[in-house]
Amino acid sequence: MSLDRYRIAVVTGASRGIGAATVRQLRIAGVEVYAVARSAEDLTSLARETGCRPLALDISHRDAVLSALGTLDADVLVNNASAFARSAASWETSPDDIDAVVDVNIKGTFNCLAALVPGMKARGLGHVVNLSSMAATWAISGMPAYAMTKAALHNLSQTLRLDLHGSGVRVSEIAPGRVETGAHLAMLDDRDEGRRRFYEGYESLMAEDIAEAIMFVLGSPQRMDVSFMEIVPTDQSYGGSQFHRRGNV
């Protein structure tokens, strides 16, 4: 499999975790990468390491996204940026947490699509990779706002394939289970407790695992579109209700 057809990629949420791992893999493959995130300091470090082009940007602002990305002839868009909300029952979820996940997970995705997909469609070549979650299709208690936005992204991915039917632009959705990126720590006020609850004693996925999956779907033959890929840890059962704990914690 080869990425020779692709020259320029945009990766959101690129400052750490899955985004940073994806930037590294794309750069190894020789793709010019615009790494997008709000943290300029982390992006600068990643740029020194990989040679990517750092772009500090809040993707929830449409005008800023169009200004920064709208002139790029990007062949690949990896919509990886994602916000978590604190764990709560649906009726207890705070308005601030709702705004945070909607702004990044939904508005941010729409804004990036608006900036880059018209060019892909006009050139008849491109690939959009949306990072959703197993929470998009399986009920998991304690994260209603986050899961709601990922379910919306799941539906959007399917609709986007219809919108781009016949254009030559591919759309892939990757839905990971638990990945040890540190993002889950935002669900609890006590981050140490979050680490014990979500990571210690569990053999979770790593960011590099998802980056390799992204490279697989990008490198597949043009005739082949991996439209949906769910990736879970071996020890995590569907819905997150059962997860075998290996360590004695």
Protein backbone atom coordinates (compact mmCIF):
# COMPACT_ATOMS: atom_id res chain seq x y z
CA MET A 1 0.00 0.00 0.00
CA SER A 2 1.23 3.48 -0.84
CA LEU A 3 0.36 7.08 -0.05
CA ASP A 4 2.02 8.36 -3.23
CA ARG A 5 -1.25 9.82 -4.47
CA TYR A 6 -1.42 12.15 -1.47
CA ARG A 7 0.85 15.17 -1.02
CA ILE A 8 -0.69 17.31 1.74
CA ALA A 9 -2.55 16.28 4.89
CA VAL A 10 -4.27 18.20 7.67
CA VAL A 11 -4.50 16.54 11.08
CA THR A 12 -6.54 18.17 13.84
CA GLY A 13 -5.98 17.54 17.53
CA ALA A 14 -2.37 17.03 16.53
CA SER A 15 -0.56 18.21 19.64
CA ARG A 16 -0.64 14.86 21.45
CA GLY A 17 -2.09 11.35 21.49
CA ILE A 18 -3.58 9.92 18.31
CA GLY A 19 -3.12 13.17 16.41
CA ALA A 20 0.60 13.43 17.12
CA ALA A 21 1.12 9.74 16.38
CA THR A 22 -0.67 10.19 13.04
CA VAL A 23 1.48 13.20 12.15
CA ARG A 24 4.60 11.13 12.81
CA GLN A 25 3.41 8.29 10.57
CA LEU A 26 2.39 10.61 7.74
CA ARG A 27 5.72 12.40 7.84
CA ILE A 28 7.58 9.08 7.69
CA ALA A 29 5.52 8.34 4.57
CA GLY A 30 6.72 11.61 3.02
CA VAL A 31 3.45 13.53 3.26
CA GLU A 32 3.53 17.25 4.02
CA VAL A 33 1.44 17.66 7.19
CA TYR A 34 -0.29 20.68 8.67
CA ALA A 35 -0.61 19.85 12.35
CA VAL A 36 -3.58 21.69 13.88
CA ALA A 37 -4.25 22.19 17.59
CA ARG A 38 -4.80 24.97 20.10
CA SER A 39 -1.50 24.39 21.92
CA ALA A 40 1.21 26.29 20.03
CA GLU A 41 3.93 25.07 22.39
CA ASP A 42 3.17 21.38 21.86
CA LEU A 43 2.93 21.91 18.10
CA THR A 44 6.30 23.64 18.01
CA SER A 45 7.87 20.64 19.72
CA LEU A 46 6.18 18.25 17.27
CA ALA A 47 7.36 20.37 14.34
CA ARG A 48 10.96 20.18 15.55
CA GLU A 49 10.64 16.41 15.83
CA THR A 50 8.84 15.65 12.56
CA GLY A 51 9.16 18.61 10.23
CA CYS A 52 5.39 19.11 10.15
CA ARG A 53 3.88 22.58 9.71
CA PRO A 54 2.41 23.68 13.06
CA LEU A 55 -0.84 25.59 12.97
CA ALA A 56 -2.24 26.86 16.27
CA LEU A 57 -5.97 27.15 15.63
CA ASP A 58 -9.29 26.88 17.42
CA ILE A 59 -11.32 24.84 14.96
CA SER A 60 -14.61 25.84 16.58
CA HIS A 61 -14.35 29.25 14.83
CA ARG A 62 -15.49 28.94 11.21
CA ASP A 63 -13.87 32.13 9.88
CA ALA A 64 -10.50 31.27 11.41
CA VAL A 65 -10.59 27.76 9.96
CA LEU A 66 -11.54 28.96 6.48
CA SER A 67 -8.80 31.58 6.59
CA ALA A 68 -6.12 29.14 7.76
CA LEU A 69 -7.05 26.05 5.75
CA GLY A 70 -9.24 27.19 2.88
CA THR A 71 -6.36 27.87 0.50
CA LEU A 72 -4.65 24.51 1.04
CA ASP A 73 -4.89 21.85 -1.64
CA ALA A 74 -5.05 19.18 1.03
CA ASP A 75 -5.53 15.60 -0.10
CA VAL A 76 -6.14 14.21 3.40
CA LEU A 77 -8.14 15.52 6.35
CA VAL A 78 -7.94 13.62 9.62
CA ASN A 79 -10.67 14.94 11.92
CA ASN A 80 -9.12 13.80 15.18
CA ALA A 81 -9.67 16.78 17.50
CA SER A 82 -11.97 15.79 20.34
CA ALA A 83 -13.15 17.19 23.64
CA PHE A 84 -14.32 15.15 26.61
CA ALA A 85 -16.94 16.12 29.18
CA ARG A 86 -16.86 15.30 32.87
CA SER A 87 -18.58 12.05 33.77
CA ALA A 88 -22.22 12.65 34.75
CA ALA A 89 -25.76 11.51 34.14
CA SER A 90 -27.35 13.20 31.14
CA TRP A 91 -29.51 15.57 33.21
CA GLU A 92 -26.52 16.56 35.32
CA THR A 93 -24.20 17.45 32.44
CA SER A 94 -23.21 21.10 32.75
CA PRO A 95 -23.89 23.62 29.97
CA ASP A 96 -20.16 24.39 29.79
CA ASP A 97 -19.33 20.73 29.18
CA ILE A 98 -22.03 20.48 26.53
CA ASP A 99 -20.69 23.56 24.76
CA ALA A 100 -17.12 22.24 24.90
CA VAL A 101 -17.85 18.90 23.23
CA VAL A 102 -20.26 20.35 20.67
CA ASP A 103 -17.86 23.14 19.69
CA VAL A 104 -14.93 20.81 19.00
CA ASN A 105 -16.45 17.45 18.12
CA ILE A 106 -19.26 18.71 15.90
CA LYS A 107 -18.70 22.34 14.91
CA GLY A 108 -14.97 21.83 14.51
CA THR A 109 -15.52 18.91 12.17
CA PHE A 110 -18.02 20.82 10.04
CA ASN A 111 -15.65 23.78 9.85
CA CYS A 112 -12.73 21.68 8.64
CA LEU A 113 -14.94 19.96 6.07
CA ALA A 114 -16.08 23.36 4.81
CA ALA A 115 -12.49 24.47 4.36
CA LEU A 116 -11.05 21.41 2.62
CA VAL A 117 -13.69 19.17 1.05
CA PRO A 118 -14.69 21.54 -1.80
CA GLY A 119 -11.13 21.43 -3.11
CA MET A 120 -10.98 17.64 -2.83
CA LYS A 121 -14.24 17.33 -4.73
CA ALA A 122 -13.10 19.72 -7.45
CA ARG A 123 -9.84 17.77 -7.94
CA GLY A 124 -11.58 14.38 -7.77
CA LEU A 125 -9.14 13.14 -5.15
CA GLY A 126 -9.07 13.15 -1.37
CA HIS A 127 -9.69 11.25 1.81
CA VAL A 128 -11.52 12.33 4.95
CA VAL A 129 -10.86 10.25 8.06
CA ASN A 130 -13.19 10.91 10.99
CA LEU A 131 -12.21 9.66 14.44
CA SER A 132 -15.38 8.76 16.30
CA SER A 133 -15.58 6.26 19.16
CA MET A 134 -17.16 2.96 20.10
CA ALA A 135 -19.31 5.23 22.27
CA ALA A 136 -20.96 6.38 19.03
CA THR A 137 -22.73 3.07 18.55
CA TRP A 138 -22.68 1.42 22.01
CA ALA A 139 -24.29 2.74 25.17
CA ILE A 140 -21.70 3.62 27.81
CA SER A 141 -22.86 5.15 31.08
CA GLY A 142 -21.37 8.35 32.44
CA MET A 143 -20.50 10.08 29.17
CA PRO A 144 -23.76 11.13 27.48
CA ALA A 145 -22.56 14.43 25.98
CA TYR A 146 -19.37 12.97 24.53
CA ALA A 147 -21.18 9.90 23.18
CA MET A 148 -23.90 12.08 21.66
CA THR A 149 -21.35 14.06 19.66
CA LYS A 150 -19.58 10.92 18.50
CA ALA A 151 -22.90 9.42 17.41
CA ALA A 152 -23.45 12.59 15.40
CA LEU A 153 -20.02 12.14 13.82
CA HIS A 154 -20.91 8.53 12.97
CA ASN A 155 -24.01 9.71 11.14
CA LEU A 156 -22.12 12.57 9.51
CA SER A 157 -19.53 10.17 8.12
CA GLN A 158 -22.25 8.13 6.43
CA THR A 159 -23.98 11.24 5.09
CA LEU A 160 -20.69 12.64 3.83
CA ARG A 161 -20.14 9.51 1.73
CA LEU A 162 -23.54 10.13 0.13
CA ASP A 163 -22.71 13.81 -0.46
CA LEU A 164 -19.45 12.80 -2.16
CA HIS A 165 -20.86 9.86 -4.12
CA GLY A 166 -19.10 9.56 -7.47
CA SER A 167 -16.54 12.27 -6.69
CA GLY A 168 -13.59 9.98 -6.05
CA VAL A 169 -13.21 11.36 -2.51
CA ARG A 170 -13.13 8.65 0.14
CA VAL A 171 -14.55 8.85 3.67
CA SER A 172 -13.46 6.59 6.50
CA GLU A 173 -14.67 6.48 10.08
CA ILE A 174 -12.46 4.92 12.72
CA ALA A 175 -14.13 4.14 16.05
CA PRO A 176 -11.65 3.23 18.79
CA GLY A 177 -12.39 1.71 22.14
CA ARG A 178 -10.28 2.78 25.11
CA VAL A 179 -6.99 4.34 24.06
CA GLU A 180 -4.46 5.32 26.69
CA THR A 181 -3.92 8.92 25.62
CA GLY A 182 -4.79 10.64 28.90
CA ALA A 183 -7.99 12.08 27.43
CA HIS A 184 -10.14 10.06 29.83
CA LEU A 185 -8.66 11.95 32.76
CA ALA A 186 -10.80 14.93 31.81
CA MET A 187 -13.89 12.95 32.83
CA LEU A 188 -13.03 13.23 36.54
CA ASP A 189 -11.98 16.19 38.66
CA ASP A 190 -9.36 13.99 40.34
CA ARG A 191 -6.92 13.04 37.58
CA ASP A 192 -5.09 10.52 39.75
CA GLU A 193 -8.38 8.75 40.40
CA GLY A 194 -9.06 8.89 36.68
CA ARG A 195 -5.77 7.18 35.93
CA ARG A 196 -6.56 4.43 38.44
CA ARG A 197 -10.09 4.00 37.10
CA PHE A 198 -9.35 4.00 33.39
CA TYR A 199 -5.75 2.92 32.84
CA GLU A 200 -4.04 1.13 35.73
CA GLY A 201 -4.22 -2.63 35.35
CA TYR A 202 -5.79 -2.42 31.88
CA GLU A 203 -4.11 -3.27 28.59
CA SER A 204 -5.64 -0.48 26.54
CA LEU A 205 -4.97 0.54 22.97
CA MET A 206 -2.13 2.98 22.37
CA ALA A 207 -2.18 6.06 20.14
CA GLU A 208 0.21 4.38 17.73
CA ASP A 209 -2.29 1.55 17.16
CA ILE A 210 -4.89 3.99 15.85
CA ALA A 211 -2.33 5.90 13.78
CA GLU A 212 -1.40 2.63 12.06
CA ALA A 213 -5.08 2.01 11.31
CA ILE A 214 -5.34 5.48 9.78
CA MET A 215 -2.33 4.74 7.60
CA PHE A 216 -3.96 1.48 6.50
CA VAL A 217 -7.16 3.12 5.29
CA LEU A 218 -5.25 5.94 3.58
CA GLY A 219 -2.91 3.52 1.84
CA SER A 220 -5.58 1.15 0.59
CA PRO A 221 -6.19 1.07 -3.19
CA GLN A 222 -8.28 3.92 -4.59
CA ARG A 223 -11.00 1.43 -5.52
CA MET A 224 -11.32 0.50 -1.82
CA ASP A 225 -12.92 2.70 0.85
CA VAL A 226 -12.76 1.43 4.43
CA SER A 227 -15.97 3.16 5.41
CA PHE A 228 -16.09 2.05 9.06
CA MET A 229 -13.49 0.44 11.32
CA GLU A 230 -14.10 -0.30 15.00
CA ILE A 231 -10.96 -1.07 17.00
CA VAL A 232 -11.14 -2.24 20.61
CA PRO A 233 -8.66 -3.64 23.11
CA THR A 234 -8.65 -7.43 23.22
CA ASP A 235 -9.87 -7.28 26.81
CA GLN A 236 -12.70 -4.79 26.20
CA SER A 237 -16.10 -6.14 25.26
CA TYR A 238 -18.66 -4.25 23.25
CA GLY A 239 -20.25 -1.30 24.96
CA GLY A 240 -17.49 -1.02 27.50
CA SER A 241 -19.54 -2.90 30.08
CA GLN A 242 -16.99 -5.69 30.43
CA PHE A 243 -13.25 -5.11 30.60
CA HIS A 244 -10.92 -7.71 32.05
CA ARG A 245 -8.47 -6.18 34.54
CA ARG A 246 -5.07 -7.85 34.34
CA GLY A 247 -3.27 -6.05 37.17
CA ASN A 248 -3.83 -6.30 40.91
CA VAL A 249 -4.78 -2.69 41.63
